[in-house]
């Protein structure tokens, strides 16, 4: 009977550790998401500052230079968040038009089959 309280303590300890680990992982994911959103709002490519690759690949000076070059390449394309959102809206409109065309073709082919019979 002494094993039951010991097992209960061990399982409780394992459960508490899992809860703490999951909460810290979730907090880290929220921080990374907020950082990426901030990058996008400022017009930087996502992952410019929040990517762990920079800290592994470059020293501080090299990272700053690489980030500046990446931003200049991205900025030279002339894309901003507003333009990207407008592009998404345009693509959605085109998709809706294509779906409408396909529906009309299906209905017209269905009508042609009925006329032949």
Protein backbone atom coordinates (compact mmCIF):
# COMPACT_ATOMS: atom_id res chain seq x y z
CA UNK A 1 0.00 0.00 0.00
CA UNK A 2 2.97 2.34 0.31
CA UNK A 3 3.49 2.12 -3.45
CA UNK A 4 0.18 3.85 -4.22
CA UNK A 5 1.11 7.25 -2.71
CA UNK A 6 4.57 7.07 -4.28
CA UNK A 7 3.10 6.36 -7.73
CA UNK A 8 0.54 9.13 -7.24
CA UNK A 9 3.32 11.61 -6.42
CA UNK A 10 5.37 10.50 -9.43
CA UNK A 11 2.42 10.76 -11.86
CA UNK A 12 1.44 14.14 -10.41
CA UNK A 13 5.00 15.37 -10.86
CA UNK A 14 5.08 14.15 -14.49
CA UNK A 15 1.72 15.79 -15.25
CA UNK A 16 2.85 19.10 -13.71
CA UNK A 17 6.07 19.03 -15.75
CA UNK A 18 4.12 18.41 -18.97
CA UNK A 19 1.74 21.28 -18.25
CA UNK A 20 4.63 23.66 -17.56
CA UNK A 21 6.47 22.58 -20.69
CA UNK A 22 3.39 22.99 -22.89
CA UNK A 23 2.64 26.43 -21.49
CA UNK A 24 6.21 27.61 -22.12
CA UNK A 25 6.10 26.24 -25.70
CA UNK A 26 2.80 28.02 -26.32
CA UNK A 27 4.19 31.27 -24.94
CA UNK A 28 7.23 30.97 -27.23
CA UNK A 29 4.98 30.33 -30.25
CA UNK A 30 2.89 33.40 -29.41
CA UNK A 31 6.03 35.52 -29.12
CA UNK A 32 7.33 34.27 -32.48
CA UNK A 33 3.96 34.89 -34.14
CA UNK A 34 3.81 38.42 -32.72
CA UNK A 35 7.34 39.10 -33.94
CA UNK A 36 6.54 37.84 -37.43
CA UNK A 37 3.37 39.94 -37.54
CA UNK A 38 5.37 42.99 -36.49
CA UNK A 39 7.92 42.27 -39.22
CA UNK A 40 5.14 42.07 -41.81
CA UNK A 41 3.58 45.31 -40.56
CA UNK A 42 6.93 47.06 -40.94
CA UNK A 43 7.31 45.68 -44.45
CA UNK A 44 10.14 43.24 -43.79
CA UNK A 45 9.97 39.74 -45.25
CA UNK A 46 8.60 37.32 -42.61
CA UNK A 47 11.35 35.59 -40.69
CA UNK A 48 13.94 38.32 -41.22
CA UNK A 49 14.54 38.91 -37.54
CA UNK A 50 12.64 36.04 -35.95
CA UNK A 51 14.39 33.28 -37.87
CA UNK A 52 16.79 31.21 -35.74
CA UNK A 53 18.96 30.74 -38.83
CA UNK A 54 20.45 34.19 -38.47
CA UNK A 55 21.90 33.55 -35.05
CA UNK A 56 23.45 30.25 -36.17
CA UNK A 57 24.77 31.35 -39.55
CA UNK A 58 26.14 34.82 -38.99
CA UNK A 59 27.90 36.90 -36.43
CA UNK A 60 26.12 40.12 -35.43
CA UNK A 61 27.80 42.24 -38.11
CA UNK A 62 27.24 39.68 -40.84
CA UNK A 63 23.61 39.24 -39.80
CA UNK A 64 22.94 42.97 -39.96
CA UNK A 65 24.51 43.15 -43.42
CA UNK A 66 22.55 40.12 -44.65
CA UNK A 67 19.30 41.47 -43.23
CA UNK A 68 19.89 44.82 -44.91
CA UNK A 69 20.60 43.11 -48.25
CA UNK A 70 17.50 40.93 -47.92
CA UNK A 71 15.35 43.95 -47.11
CA UNK A 72 16.75 45.89 -50.07
CA UNK A 73 15.99 42.98 -52.40
CA UNK A 74 12.49 42.70 -50.99
CA UNK A 75 11.91 46.47 -51.12
CA UNK A 76 13.23 46.70 -54.67
CA UNK A 77 10.36 44.50 -55.79
CA UNK A 78 8.06 47.28 -54.62
CA UNK A 79 5.69 45.00 -52.75
CA UNK A 80 4.03 46.30 -49.65
CA UNK A 81 1.42 44.82 -47.40
CA UNK A 82 -1.35 46.89 -49.02
CA UNK A 83 -0.34 45.75 -52.50
CA UNK A 84 -0.23 42.15 -51.33
CA UNK A 85 -3.71 42.41 -49.80
CA UNK A 86 -5.02 43.96 -53.03
CA UNK A 87 -3.42 41.14 -55.01
CA UNK A 88 -5.15 38.58 -52.80
CA UNK A 89 -8.51 40.30 -53.35
CA UNK A 90 -7.90 40.31 -57.12
CA UNK A 91 -7.03 36.61 -57.08
CA UNK A 92 -10.20 35.81 -55.13
CA UNK A 93 -12.27 37.71 -57.70
CA UNK A 94 -10.60 35.82 -60.55
CA UNK A 95 -11.21 32.52 -58.80
CA UNK A 96 -14.88 33.37 -58.35
CA UNK A 97 -15.11 34.30 -62.05
CA UNK A 98 -13.48 31.01 -63.08
CA UNK A 99 -15.86 29.03 -60.87
CA UNK A 100 -18.81 30.86 -62.42
CA UNK A 101 -17.54 30.11 -65.93
CA UNK A 102 -17.09 26.42 -65.09
CA UNK A 103 -20.59 26.26 -63.62
CA UNK A 104 -22.07 27.86 -66.74
CA UNK A 105 -20.16 25.43 -68.98
CA UNK A 106 -21.40 22.46 -66.97
CA UNK A 107 -24.97 23.69 -67.15
CA UNK A 108 -24.69 24.38 -70.87
CA UNK A 109 -23.20 20.94 -71.56
CA UNK A 110 -25.97 19.39 -69.48
CA UNK A 111 -28.58 21.32 -71.49
CA UNK A 112 -26.97 20.20 -74.78
CA UNK A 113 -27.15 16.56 -73.72
CA UNK A 114 -30.85 16.93 -72.90
CA UNK A 115 -31.54 18.51 -76.32
CA UNK A 116 -29.80 15.66 -78.15
CA UNK A 117 -31.91 13.06 -76.42
